[in-house]
Amino acid sequence: MEVALTHPSAAAGSQRNYERLEFLGDAVLDLAVADLLMRRFPDGDEGRLSKERASVVNSRTLADKARQLGLGRVLRLGKGEDRSGGRDKVSILAAAFEAVLGAIYTDGGLPAAQRVVERLFADEIGGPAAERDYKTEVQELAYRRFRAQPLYDLVEASGPEHAKLFTTRILINGREMGQGTGASKKRSEQAAARMALSALEAAHQRRDG
């Protein structure tokens, strides 16, 4: 697992960094998510499944999962990368998440990797857990703490019409609290609200701690 958490900047002149495991983890993640989608949506067509997978397997979502797991705190980074905020960079966190999944696959095989993916992505992929209304939760929390309403700003809409992806940011009191990506504006707003809720809860815990 040490290699899975080692950024190339911390392993200059050596291949003992997470890049190979990231390559493996990327493939494992695609397979595990595809398998989960096939089981969650037995009647879903290829277009629906592709949209669902694209809304889950993207850098921002993976970085969010890495933050939930606390990977940023334990990454091995070179001094320059560490000073420049590498522990919270989306690209680095997403890569580290895939590398850790690659390590799990190496140690425990596909069933172990699938269990991890199913547990971590339950809120994003169908099922009752996906019905949680993060927008309402954030709205209520923002009003209680700041007497303010969250604002949602569409950042980007990309991809072909049959598989378009939307990225939305959420602002509270003028401060960006997260961004989310989804196959519709509504889903991207829910994903952004989920990130904001995590950030607000983490800030509250740090203050109380």
C-alpha atoms as a PDB file:
ATOM      1  CA  MET A   1       0.000   0.000   0.000  1.00  0.00           C
ATOM      2  CA  GLU A   2       2.973   2.312   0.524  1.00  0.00           C
ATOM      3  CA  VAL A   3       3.639   2.362  -3.224  1.00  0.00           C
ATOM      4  CA  ALA A   4      -0.024   3.184  -3.915  1.00  0.00           C
ATOM      5  CA  LEU A   5       0.347   6.308  -1.784  1.00  0.00           C
ATOM      6  CA  THR A   6       3.659   7.477  -3.253  1.00  0.00           C
ATOM      7  CA  HIS A   7       3.479  10.326  -5.761  1.00  0.00           C
ATOM      8  CA  PRO A   8       6.171  10.334  -8.497  1.00  0.00           C
ATOM      9  CA  SER A   9       7.612  13.518  -6.947  1.00  0.00           C
ATOM     10  CA  ALA A  10       8.529  11.485  -3.851  1.00  0.00           C
ATOM     11  CA  ALA A  11      10.198   8.713  -5.846  1.00  0.00           C
ATOM     12  CA  ALA A  12      12.467  10.539  -8.241  1.00  0.00           C
ATOM     13  CA  GLY A  13      14.504   8.140 -10.380  1.00  0.00           C
ATOM     14  CA  SER A  14      12.445   5.151  -9.208  1.00  0.00           C
ATOM     15  CA  GLN A  15       9.331   3.356 -10.382  1.00  0.00           C
ATOM     16  CA  ARG A  16       8.184   2.850  -6.801  1.00  0.00           C
ATOM     17  CA  ASN A  17       5.323   5.286  -7.202  1.00  0.00           C
ATOM     18  CA  TYR A  18       1.593   4.914  -7.751  1.00  0.00           C
ATOM     19  CA  GLU A  19       1.491   5.238 -11.551  1.00  0.00           C
ATOM     20  CA  ARG A  20       1.412   1.513 -12.391  1.00  0.00           C
ATOM     21  CA  LEU A  21      -1.181   0.788  -9.709  1.00  0.00           C
ATOM     22  CA  GLU A  22      -3.187   3.801 -10.917  1.00  0.00           C
ATOM     23  CA  PHE A  23      -3.246   2.265 -14.404  1.00  0.00           C
ATOM     24  CA  LEU A  24      -4.490  -1.009 -12.974  1.00  0.00           C
ATOM     25  CA  GLY A  25      -6.978   0.630 -10.626  1.00  0.00           C
ATOM     26  CA  ASP A  26      -8.508   2.629 -13.469  1.00  0.00           C
ATOM     27  CA  ALA A  27      -9.358  -0.595 -15.314  1.00  0.00           C
ATOM     28  CA  VAL A  28     -10.607  -2.299 -12.145  1.00  0.00           C
ATOM     29  CA  LEU A  29     -12.835   0.671 -11.313  1.00  0.00           C
ATOM     30  CA  ASP A  30     -14.394   0.686 -14.786  1.00  0.00           C
ATOM     31  CA  LEU A  31     -15.150  -3.027 -14.543  1.00  0.00           C
ATOM     32  CA  ALA A  32     -16.467  -2.885 -10.976  1.00  0.00           C
ATOM     33  CA  VAL A  33     -18.740   0.082 -11.715  1.00  0.00           C
ATOM     34  CA  ALA A  34     -19.981  -1.514 -14.961  1.00  0.00           C
ATOM     35  CA  ASP A  35     -20.793  -4.730 -13.089  1.00  0.00           C
ATOM     36  CA  LEU A  36     -22.584  -2.781 -10.345  1.00  0.00           C
ATOM     37  CA  LEU A  37     -24.607  -0.826 -12.910  1.00  0.00           C
ATOM     38  CA  MET A  38     -25.633  -4.010 -14.724  1.00  0.00           C
ATOM     39  CA  ARG A  39     -26.978  -5.387 -11.449  1.00  0.00           C
ATOM     40  CA  ARG A  40     -28.630  -2.143 -10.306  1.00  0.00           C
ATOM     41  CA  PHE A  41     -30.270  -1.466 -13.693  1.00  0.00           C
ATOM     42  CA  PRO A  42     -31.086  -4.878 -15.228  1.00  0.00           C
ATOM     43  CA  ASP A  43     -33.299  -3.227 -17.861  1.00  0.00           C
ATOM     44  CA  GLY A  44     -31.066  -0.227 -18.538  1.00  0.00           C
ATOM     45  CA  ASP A  45     -29.876   0.278 -22.106  1.00  0.00           C
ATOM     46  CA  GLU A  46     -26.290   1.065 -23.106  1.00  0.00           C
ATOM     47  CA  GLY A  47     -26.939   4.800 -23.193  1.00  0.00           C
ATOM     48  CA  ARG A  48     -28.336   4.864 -19.650  1.00  0.00           C
ATOM     49  CA  LEU A  49     -25.496   2.735 -18.318  1.00  0.00           C
ATOM     50  CA  SER A  50     -22.866   4.889 -20.025  1.00  0.00           C
ATOM     51  CA  LYS A  51     -24.330   8.066 -18.546  1.00  0.00           C
ATOM     52  CA  GLU A  52     -24.471   6.541 -15.082  1.00  0.00           C
ATOM     53  CA  ARG A  53     -20.870   5.391 -15.289  1.00  0.00           C
ATOM     54  CA  ALA A  54     -19.659   8.754 -16.613  1.00  0.00           C
ATOM     55  CA  SER A  55     -21.382  10.538 -13.735  1.00  0.00           C
ATOM     56  CA  VAL A  56     -19.471   8.382 -11.237  1.00  0.00           C
ATOM     57  CA  VAL A  57     -16.090   7.667 -12.814  1.00  0.00           C
ATOM     58  CA  ASN A  58     -14.637  11.169 -13.074  1.00  0.00           C
ATOM     59  CA  SER A  59     -11.771  12.945 -11.365  1.00  0.00           C
ATOM     60  CA  ARG A  60     -13.861  15.087  -9.037  1.00  0.00           C
ATOM     61  CA  THR A  61     -15.886  12.184  -7.682  1.00  0.00           C
ATOM     62  CA  LEU A  62     -12.770  10.062  -7.190  1.00  0.00           C
ATOM     63  CA  ALA A  63     -11.011  12.936  -5.437  1.00  0.00           C
ATOM     64  CA  ASP A  64     -14.029  13.281  -3.150  1.00  0.00           C
ATOM     65  CA  LYS A  65     -13.804   9.590  -2.279  1.00  0.00           C
ATOM     66  CA  ALA A  66     -10.092   9.987  -1.587  1.00  0.00           C
ATOM     67  CA  ARG A  67     -10.891  12.843   0.804  1.00  0.00           C
ATOM     68  CA  GLN A  68     -13.494  10.714   2.570  1.00  0.00           C
ATOM     69  CA  LEU A  69     -10.837   8.053   3.081  1.00  0.00           C
ATOM     70  CA  GLY A  70      -8.272  10.587   4.275  1.00  0.00           C
ATOM     71  CA  LEU A  71      -5.773   9.697   1.559  1.00  0.00           C
ATOM     72  CA  GLY A  72      -4.480  13.245   1.267  1.00  0.00           C
ATOM     73  CA  ARG A  73      -3.073  13.127   4.786  1.00  0.00           C
ATOM     74  CA  VAL A  74      -1.041   9.979   4.164  1.00  0.00           C
ATOM     75  CA  LEU A  75       0.246  10.638   0.641  1.00  0.00           C
ATOM     76  CA  ARG A  76       4.002  10.661   0.166  1.00  0.00           C
ATOM     77  CA  LEU A  77       4.823  13.785  -1.836  1.00  0.00           C
ATOM     78  CA  GLY A  78       7.977  15.580  -2.857  1.00  0.00           C
ATOM     79  CA  LYS A  79       8.623  18.793  -0.919  1.00  0.00           C
ATOM     80  CA  GLY A  80       7.718  21.033  -3.839  1.00  0.00           C
ATOM     81  CA  GLU A  81       4.450  19.218  -4.549  1.00  0.00           C
ATOM     82  CA  ASP A  82       3.578  19.244  -0.870  1.00  0.00           C
ATOM     83  CA  ARG A  83       4.206  22.995  -0.565  1.00  0.00           C
ATOM     84  CA  SER A  84       2.053  23.692  -3.622  1.00  0.00           C
ATOM     85  CA  GLY A  85      -1.008  22.044  -2.062  1.00  0.00           C
ATOM     86  CA  GLY A  86      -0.655  18.639  -3.683  1.00  0.00           C
ATOM     87  CA  ARG A  87      -2.505  16.894  -0.878  1.00  0.00           C
ATOM     88  CA  ASP A  88      -5.758  18.474  -2.023  1.00  0.00           C
ATOM     89  CA  LYS A  89      -5.248  18.547  -5.796  1.00  0.00           C
ATOM     90  CA  VAL A  90      -8.073  16.796  -7.637  1.00  0.00           C
ATOM     91  CA  SER A  91      -5.729  15.078 -10.114  1.00  0.00           C
ATOM     92  CA  ILE A  92      -3.451  13.689  -7.398  1.00  0.00           C
ATOM     93  CA  LEU A  93      -6.268  12.547  -5.114  1.00  0.00           C
ATOM     94  CA  ALA A  94      -8.109  10.850  -7.991  1.00  0.00           C
ATOM     95  CA  ALA A  95      -4.935   9.087  -9.086  1.00  0.00           C
ATOM     96  CA  ALA A  96      -4.203   7.976  -5.521  1.00  0.00           C
ATOM     97  CA  PHE A  97      -7.718   6.583  -5.163  1.00  0.00           C
ATOM     98  CA  GLU A  98      -7.306   4.508  -8.331  1.00  0.00           C
ATOM     99  CA  ALA A  99      -3.876   3.348  -7.165  1.00  0.00           C
ATOM    100  CA  VAL A 100      -5.272   2.202  -3.810  1.00  0.00           C
ATOM    101  CA  LEU A 101      -8.030   0.325  -5.636  1.00  0.00           C
ATOM    102  CA  GLY A 102      -5.334  -1.257  -7.810  1.00  0.00           C
ATOM    103  CA  ALA A 103      -3.488  -2.342  -4.672  1.00  0.00           C
ATOM    104  CA  ILE A 104      -6.680  -3.813  -3.213  1.00  0.00           C
ATOM    105  CA  TYR A 105      -7.182  -5.778  -6.425  1.00  0.00           C
ATOM    106  CA  THR A 106      -3.572  -6.988  -6.330  1.00  0.00           C
ATOM    107  CA  ASP A 107      -3.895  -8.176  -2.743  1.00  0.00           C
ATOM    108  CA  GLY A 108      -7.487  -9.435  -2.664  1.00  0.00           C
ATOM    109  CA  GLY A 109      -8.597  -9.927  -6.253  1.00  0.00           C
ATOM    110  CA  LEU A 110     -11.645  -8.573  -8.032  1.00  0.00           C
ATOM    111  CA  PRO A 111     -14.223  -9.520  -5.354  1.00  0.00           C
ATOM    112  CA  ALA A 112     -12.409  -7.389  -2.770  1.00  0.00           C
ATOM    113  CA  ALA A 113     -12.209  -4.446  -5.167  1.00  0.00           C
ATOM    114  CA  GLN A 114     -15.884  -4.802  -6.071  1.00  0.00           C
ATOM    115  CA  ARG A 115     -16.906  -4.752  -2.406  1.00  0.00           C
ATOM    116  CA  VAL A 116     -14.983  -1.511  -1.875  1.00  0.00           C
ATOM    117  CA  VAL A 117     -16.515   0.119  -4.960  1.00  0.00           C
ATOM    118  CA  GLU A 118     -20.034  -0.936  -3.996  1.00  0.00           C
ATOM    119  CA  ARG A 119     -19.648   0.404  -0.482  1.00  0.00           C
ATOM    120  CA  LEU A 120     -18.111   3.735  -1.516  1.00  0.00           C
ATOM    121  CA  PHE A 121     -20.350   4.475  -4.486  1.00  0.00           C
ATOM    122  CA  ALA A 122     -23.710   3.387  -3.072  1.00  0.00           C
ATOM    123  CA  ASP A 123     -24.879   7.001  -2.907  1.00  0.00           C
ATOM    124  CA  GLU A 124     -24.038   7.655  -6.545  1.00  0.00           C
ATOM    125  CA  ILE A 125     -25.379   4.540  -8.246  1.00  0.00           C
ATOM    126  CA  GLY A 126     -29.122   3.901  -8.120  1.00  0.00           C
ATOM    127  CA  GLY A 127     -30.866   2.238  -5.205  1.00  0.00           C
ATOM    128  CA  PRO A 128     -32.549   3.826  -2.188  1.00  0.00           C
ATOM    129  CA  ALA A 129     -29.329   5.484  -0.958  1.00  0.00           C
ATOM    130  CA  ALA A 130     -29.194   7.554  -4.112  1.00  0.00           C
ATOM    131  CA  GLU A 131     -32.477   9.224  -3.186  1.00  0.00           C
ATOM    132  CA  ARG A 132     -30.893  11.214  -0.354  1.00  0.00           C
ATOM    133  CA  ASP A 133     -31.641  14.892  -0.973  1.00  0.00           C
ATOM    134  CA  TYR A 134     -28.313  16.626  -0.373  1.00  0.00           C
ATOM    135  CA  LYS A 135     -29.610  19.958  -1.712  1.00  0.00           C
ATOM    136  CA  THR A 136     -32.271  20.175   0.959  1.00  0.00           C
ATOM    137  CA  GLU A 137     -29.822  19.149   3.683  1.00  0.00           C
ATOM    138  CA  VAL A 138     -27.288  21.788   2.626  1.00  0.00           C
ATOM    139  CA  GLN A 139     -29.988  24.438   2.338  1.00  0.00           C
ATOM    140  CA  GLU A 140     -31.162  23.780   5.887  1.00  0.00           C
ATOM    141  CA  LEU A 141     -27.609  23.663   7.264  1.00  0.00           C
ATOM    142  CA  ALA A 142     -26.544  26.840   5.444  1.00  0.00           C
ATOM    143  CA  TYR A 143     -29.544  28.711   6.806  1.00  0.00           C
ATOM    144  CA  ARG A 144     -28.913  27.527  10.373  1.00  0.00           C
ATOM    145  CA  ARG A 145     -25.232  28.470  10.318  1.00  0.00           C
ATOM    146  CA  PHE A 146     -25.064  31.458   7.998  1.00  0.00           C
ATOM    147  CA  ARG A 147     -28.640  32.602   7.401  1.00  0.00           C
ATOM    148  CA  ALA A 148     -27.799  32.210   3.713  1.00  0.00           C
ATOM    149  CA  GLN A 149     -29.133  30.220   0.780  1.00  0.00           C
ATOM    150  CA  PRO A 150     -26.787  28.109  -1.369  1.00  0.00           C
ATOM    151  CA  LEU A 151     -26.360  29.258  -4.959  1.00  0.00           C
ATOM    152  CA  TYR A 152     -25.690  26.814  -7.819  1.00  0.00           C
ATOM    153  CA  ASP A 153     -23.650  27.901 -10.827  1.00  0.00           C
ATOM    154  CA  LEU A 154     -23.304  25.748 -13.957  1.00  0.00           C
ATOM    155  CA  VAL A 155     -19.578  25.660 -14.732  1.00  0.00           C
ATOM    156  CA  GLU A 156     -19.528  23.427 -17.791  1.00  0.00           C
ATOM    157  CA  ALA A 157     -21.602  21.204 -20.043  1.00  0.00           C
ATOM    158  CA  SER A 158     -19.436  18.877 -22.099  1.00  0.00           C
ATOM    159  CA  GLY A 159     -19.650  15.800 -24.286  1.00  0.00           C
ATOM    160  CA  PRO A 160     -21.990  14.716 -27.083  1.00  0.00           C
ATOM    161  CA  GLU A 161     -25.732  15.213 -26.737  1.00  0.00           C
ATOM    162  CA  HIS A 162     -26.382  11.539 -26.007  1.00  0.00           C
ATOM    163  CA  ALA A 163     -23.831  11.476 -23.162  1.00  0.00           C
ATOM    164  CA  LYS A 164     -23.536  15.068 -21.951  1.00  0.00           C
ATOM    165  CA  LEU A 165     -21.959  15.791 -18.569  1.00  0.00           C
ATOM    166  CA  PHE A 166     -22.719  18.820 -16.425  1.00  0.00           C
ATOM    167  CA  THR A 167     -20.445  20.373 -13.807  1.00  0.00           C
ATOM    168  CA  THR A 168     -21.956  22.685 -11.198  1.00  0.00           C
ATOM    169  CA  ARG A 169     -20.384  24.575  -8.319  1.00  0.00           C
ATOM    170  CA  ILE A 170     -22.116  25.529  -5.089  1.00  0.00           C
ATOM    171  CA  LEU A 171     -21.520  28.827  -3.324  1.00  0.00           C
ATOM    172  CA  ILE A 172     -22.493  29.729   0.232  1.00  0.00           C
ATOM    173  CA  ASN A 173     -21.975  33.314   1.380  1.00  0.00           C
ATOM    174  CA  GLY A 174     -20.040  33.897  -1.829  1.00  0.00           C
ATOM    175  CA  ARG A 175     -17.575  31.096  -1.090  1.00  0.00           C
ATOM    176  CA  GLU A 176     -17.280  28.057  -3.335  1.00  0.00           C
ATOM    177  CA  MET A 177     -17.907  24.944  -1.238  1.00  0.00           C
ATOM    178  CA  GLY A 178     -17.562  22.246  -3.887  1.00  0.00           C
ATOM    179  CA  GLN A 179     -18.229  21.130  -7.431  1.00  0.00           C
ATOM    180  CA  GLY A 180     -20.188  18.163  -8.722  1.00  0.00           C
ATOM    181  CA  THR A 181     -20.536  16.386 -12.040  1.00  0.00           C
ATOM    182  CA  GLY A 182     -23.528  14.452 -13.327  1.00  0.00           C
ATOM    183  CA  ALA A 183     -25.457  13.337 -16.370  1.00  0.00           C
ATOM    184  CA  SER A 184     -28.036  16.094 -15.743  1.00  0.00           C
ATOM    185  CA  LYS A 185     -28.003  19.525 -14.146  1.00  0.00           C
ATOM    186  CA  LYS A 186     -30.026  18.172 -11.256  1.00  0.00           C
ATOM    187  CA  ARG A 187     -27.564  15.363 -10.581  1.00  0.00           C
ATOM    188  CA  SER A 188     -24.600  17.718 -10.827  1.00  0.00           C
ATOM    189  CA  GLU A 189     -26.248  20.015  -8.282  1.00  0.00           C
ATOM    190  CA  GLN A 190     -26.896  17.078  -5.952  1.00  0.00           C
ATOM    191  CA  ALA A 191     -23.234  16.023  -6.287  1.00  0.00           C
ATOM    192  CA  ALA A 192     -22.071  19.578  -5.535  1.00  0.00           C
ATOM    193  CA  ALA A 193     -24.394  19.752  -2.528  1.00  0.00           C
ATOM    194  CA  ARG A 194     -22.982  16.460  -1.254  1.00  0.00           C
ATOM    195  CA  MET A 195     -19.438  17.850  -1.383  1.00  0.00           C
ATOM    196  CA  ALA A 196     -20.532  21.051   0.364  1.00  0.00           C
ATOM    197  CA  LEU A 197     -22.254  19.045   3.086  1.00  0.00           C
ATOM    198  CA  SER A 198     -19.057  17.032   3.658  1.00  0.00           C
ATOM    199  CA  ALA A 199     -17.000  20.239   3.822  1.00  0.00           C
ATOM    200  CA  LEU A 200     -19.370  21.910   6.288  1.00  0.00           C
ATOM    201  CA  GLU A 201     -19.491  18.845   8.516  1.00  0.00           C
ATOM    202  CA  ALA A 202     -15.685  18.532   8.466  1.00  0.00           C
ATOM    203  CA  ALA A 203     -15.303  22.207   9.391  1.00  0.00           C
ATOM    204  CA  HIS A 204     -17.761  21.779  12.253  1.00  0.00           C
ATOM    205  CA  GLN A 205     -15.850  18.740  13.553  1.00  0.00           C
ATOM    206  CA  ARG A 206     -12.529  20.611  13.408  1.00  0.00           C
ATOM    207  CA  ARG A 207     -14.029  23.537  15.297  1.00  0.00           C
ATOM    208  CA  ASP A 208     -15.502  21.287  17.983  1.00  0.00           C
ATOM    209  CA  GLY A 209     -12.321  19.211  18.191  1.00  0.00           C
END
